[in-house]
């Protein structure tokens, strides 16, 4: 099975001193359970939903040729909400339209999952708190499993400590380990990798 993880710096694992991020940890756990998975981490720091909409198909097609058991995992939205002037880089309506275009097309090609954006320690966090449930509603409409990260991570003190110790947006190894643990406990992920 080949898994493409497509998104932003959280998919990339930015800030993790050991370079695994949540993707590396989740894939390592799947391998320990005996799954033969090849994982492609296709996160680009700073990418918005508009950036991902432009690139994901070509990147996935190169890694998931016909006849391969391929799966897609998307995670984005934080950069849409985080502009340098305090305003969103991508209008919320455009974020949802981009997500609809990405996910609606993706699910016609491969089984697809979506993880919501995690909380940040700056003004963008309020916008993420609004975008995440909107993405959840869109995923329900499209019948794509959605893992809400904002609410559960906001309730974990370690997450806030990790952000404060880093750049305010990205956690260190312990924060990514928390995300991987949440993914590991997610029913949709477990159904893919029983």
Protein backbone atom coordinates (compact mmCIF):
# COMPACT_ATOMS: atom_id res chain seq x y z
CA UNK A 1 0.00 0.00 0.00
CA UNK A 2 1.28 3.47 -0.88
CA UNK A 3 0.16 6.44 1.17
CA UNK A 4 0.54 10.05 0.04
CA UNK A 5 0.34 12.61 2.86
CA UNK A 6 -0.31 15.97 1.21
CA UNK A 7 -0.39 19.31 2.96
CA UNK A 8 1.60 21.97 4.74
CA UNK A 9 4.42 22.20 7.29
CA UNK A 10 2.55 20.04 9.81
CA UNK A 11 2.58 17.20 7.27
CA UNK A 12 6.26 17.95 6.66
CA UNK A 13 7.04 17.77 10.39
CA UNK A 14 8.58 21.24 10.61
CA UNK A 15 10.05 21.81 14.06
CA UNK A 16 10.60 18.15 14.89
CA UNK A 17 14.29 17.79 15.83
CA UNK A 18 14.30 14.10 14.88
CA UNK A 19 12.59 14.78 11.53
CA UNK A 20 9.73 12.28 11.86
CA UNK A 21 6.72 14.52 12.37
CA UNK A 22 3.39 12.82 12.90
CA UNK A 23 3.51 11.16 9.46
CA UNK A 24 6.79 9.34 10.15
CA UNK A 25 5.56 8.18 13.54
CA UNK A 26 2.18 6.97 12.21
CA UNK A 27 3.85 5.11 9.33
CA UNK A 28 6.44 3.55 11.66
CA UNK A 29 3.62 2.35 13.93
CA UNK A 30 1.81 0.84 10.92
CA UNK A 31 4.97 -1.03 9.92
CA UNK A 32 5.45 -2.30 13.47
CA UNK A 33 1.93 -3.74 13.24
CA UNK A 34 2.99 -5.62 10.11
CA UNK A 35 1.65 -3.38 7.35
CA UNK A 36 3.71 -3.13 4.17
CA UNK A 37 3.29 0.60 3.55
CA UNK A 38 5.30 3.09 1.54
CA UNK A 39 4.73 6.60 2.83
CA UNK A 40 5.29 9.79 0.86
CA UNK A 41 5.44 12.96 2.94
CA UNK A 42 4.37 15.75 0.58
CA UNK A 43 4.07 18.68 2.94
CA UNK A 44 5.38 22.09 1.92
CA UNK A 45 5.95 24.77 4.51
CA UNK A 46 3.72 27.78 3.93
CA UNK A 47 1.36 26.07 1.49
CA UNK A 48 -2.25 27.18 1.56
CA UNK A 49 -5.23 25.25 0.22
CA UNK A 50 -4.79 27.16 -3.07
CA UNK A 51 -1.18 25.96 -3.36
CA UNK A 52 -2.17 22.38 -2.61
CA UNK A 53 -5.00 22.55 -5.14
CA UNK A 54 -2.44 23.41 -7.83
CA UNK A 55 0.05 20.65 -7.05
CA UNK A 56 -1.52 17.61 -5.44
CA UNK A 57 -2.76 15.73 -8.53
CA UNK A 58 0.60 15.64 -10.28
CA UNK A 59 2.45 14.68 -7.11
CA UNK A 60 0.00 11.90 -6.28
CA UNK A 61 -0.11 10.56 -9.84
CA UNK A 62 3.69 10.14 -9.88
CA UNK A 63 3.57 8.05 -6.71
CA UNK A 64 0.29 6.18 -7.20
CA UNK A 65 0.27 4.72 -10.72
CA UNK A 66 -2.62 2.60 -11.99
CA UNK A 67 -2.83 -0.80 -10.37
CA UNK A 68 -1.27 0.33 -7.07
CA UNK A 69 -3.19 0.22 -3.79
CA UNK A 70 -2.85 3.96 -3.20
CA UNK A 71 -4.39 6.16 -0.52
CA UNK A 72 -4.47 9.93 0.04
CA UNK A 73 -4.27 11.76 3.35
CA UNK A 74 -4.71 15.54 3.29
CA UNK A 75 -4.07 18.05 6.05
CA UNK A 76 -4.14 21.80 5.49
CA UNK A 77 -5.84 25.01 6.56
CA UNK A 78 -3.54 26.62 9.11
CA UNK A 79 -1.72 28.69 6.49
CA UNK A 80 -5.03 29.80 5.01
CA UNK A 81 -5.81 31.38 8.39
CA UNK A 82 -2.36 32.81 9.14
CA UNK A 83 -1.49 36.00 7.30
CA UNK A 84 1.35 38.35 8.17
CA UNK A 85 -1.03 41.26 8.70
CA UNK A 86 -3.31 39.31 11.01
CA UNK A 87 -5.87 38.66 8.27
CA UNK A 88 -6.30 35.26 6.63
CA UNK A 89 -4.13 34.55 3.60
CA UNK A 90 -7.09 32.78 1.99
CA UNK A 91 -10.67 33.90 2.51
CA UNK A 92 -12.66 31.28 4.47
CA UNK A 93 -15.08 30.79 1.59
CA UNK A 94 -12.19 30.23 -0.80
CA UNK A 95 -10.59 27.79 1.67
CA UNK A 96 -13.73 25.68 1.64
CA UNK A 97 -14.03 25.92 -2.15
CA UNK A 98 -10.41 24.78 -2.51
CA UNK A 99 -10.99 21.92 -0.07
CA UNK A 100 -14.13 20.88 -1.96
CA UNK A 101 -12.24 20.83 -5.26
CA UNK A 102 -9.28 18.91 -3.80
CA UNK A 103 -11.23 16.35 -1.82
CA UNK A 104 -14.06 15.91 -4.31
CA UNK A 105 -11.57 15.01 -7.02
CA UNK A 106 -9.26 12.99 -4.77
CA UNK A 107 -11.96 10.61 -3.60
CA UNK A 108 -12.80 9.67 -7.19
CA UNK A 109 -9.25 8.37 -7.62
CA UNK A 110 -8.23 6.88 -4.27
CA UNK A 111 -9.54 6.31 -0.75
CA UNK A 112 -9.10 9.65 1.00
CA UNK A 113 -8.81 10.95 4.56
CA UNK A 114 -8.58 14.53 5.87
CA UNK A 115 -7.01 15.85 9.06
CA UNK A 116 -7.99 19.29 10.21
CA UNK A 117 -5.53 22.05 11.07
CA UNK A 118 -4.04 22.07 14.57
CA UNK A 119 -4.23 25.01 16.99
CA UNK A 120 -1.62 27.76 16.92
CA UNK A 121 -0.52 30.17 19.62
CA UNK A 122 -1.25 33.37 17.69
CA UNK A 123 -4.23 35.33 16.38
CA UNK A 124 -4.81 32.81 13.58
CA UNK A 125 -6.03 30.28 16.13
CA UNK A 126 -9.51 31.84 16.25
CA UNK A 127 -9.82 31.51 12.47
CA UNK A 128 -8.67 27.88 12.66
CA UNK A 129 -11.27 27.22 15.37
CA UNK A 130 -13.92 28.39 12.87
CA UNK A 131 -12.45 26.72 9.77
CA UNK A 132 -12.03 23.28 11.32
CA UNK A 133 -15.74 22.57 11.92
CA UNK A 134 -16.53 23.95 8.47
CA UNK A 135 -14.04 21.47 6.97
CA UNK A 136 -15.63 18.72 9.06
CA UNK A 137 -19.04 19.58 7.60
CA UNK A 138 -17.65 19.55 4.07
CA UNK A 139 -16.04 16.17 4.64
CA UNK A 140 -19.33 14.78 6.00
CA UNK A 141 -21.05 16.01 2.85
CA UNK A 142 -18.38 14.37 0.67
CA UNK A 143 -18.35 11.16 2.76
CA UNK A 144 -14.65 11.58 3.56
CA UNK A 145 -13.49 10.73 7.09
CA UNK A 146 -12.28 13.85 8.93
CA UNK A 147 -10.08 13.96 12.02
CA UNK A 148 -10.62 17.13 14.04
CA UNK A 149 -7.30 18.15 15.61
CA UNK A 150 -7.98 21.70 16.82
CA UNK A 151 -10.28 20.89 19.71
CA UNK A 152 -8.43 17.87 21.15
CA UNK A 153 -4.98 19.45 20.83
CA UNK A 154 -6.22 22.71 22.39
CA UNK A 155 -7.11 20.72 25.50
CA UNK A 156 -3.63 19.21 25.85
CA UNK A 157 -1.24 21.33 27.89
CA UNK A 158 1.79 19.66 26.32
CA UNK A 159 0.72 21.01 22.90
CA UNK A 160 0.80 24.62 24.17
CA UNK A 161 4.15 24.01 25.88
CA UNK A 162 5.56 22.61 22.65
CA UNK A 163 4.37 25.62 20.63
CA UNK A 164 5.81 28.06 23.17
CA UNK A 165 9.17 26.27 23.09
CA UNK A 166 9.25 26.44 19.30
CA UNK A 167 8.21 29.13 16.84
CA UNK A 168 4.64 29.50 18.13
CA UNK A 169 3.20 27.47 15.28
CA UNK A 170 5.07 24.17 15.17
CA UNK A 171 5.60 21.69 17.97
CA UNK A 172 8.69 19.66 18.67
CA UNK A 173 8.94 15.87 18.79
CA UNK A 174 6.53 15.47 21.71
CA UNK A 175 3.81 17.51 19.97
CA UNK A 176 4.07 15.48 16.78
CA UNK A 177 3.98 12.30 18.85
CA UNK A 178 0.65 13.47 20.29
CA UNK A 179 -0.78 13.95 16.77
CA UNK A 180 0.50 10.51 15.74
CA UNK A 181 -1.16 8.99 18.80
CA UNK A 182 -4.47 10.66 17.90
CA UNK A 183 -4.15 9.37 14.32
CA UNK A 184 -3.34 5.88 15.61
CA UNK A 185 -6.55 5.88 17.63
CA UNK A 186 -8.69 7.12 14.73
CA UNK A 187 -11.16 4.54 13.48
CA UNK A 188 -10.86 5.57 9.82
CA UNK A 189 -7.07 5.12 9.93
CA UNK A 190 -7.43 1.78 11.68
CA UNK A 191 -9.91 0.60 9.03
CA UNK A 192 -7.33 1.34 6.35
CA UNK A 193 -4.65 -0.45 8.34
CA UNK A 194 -6.44 -3.10 10.43
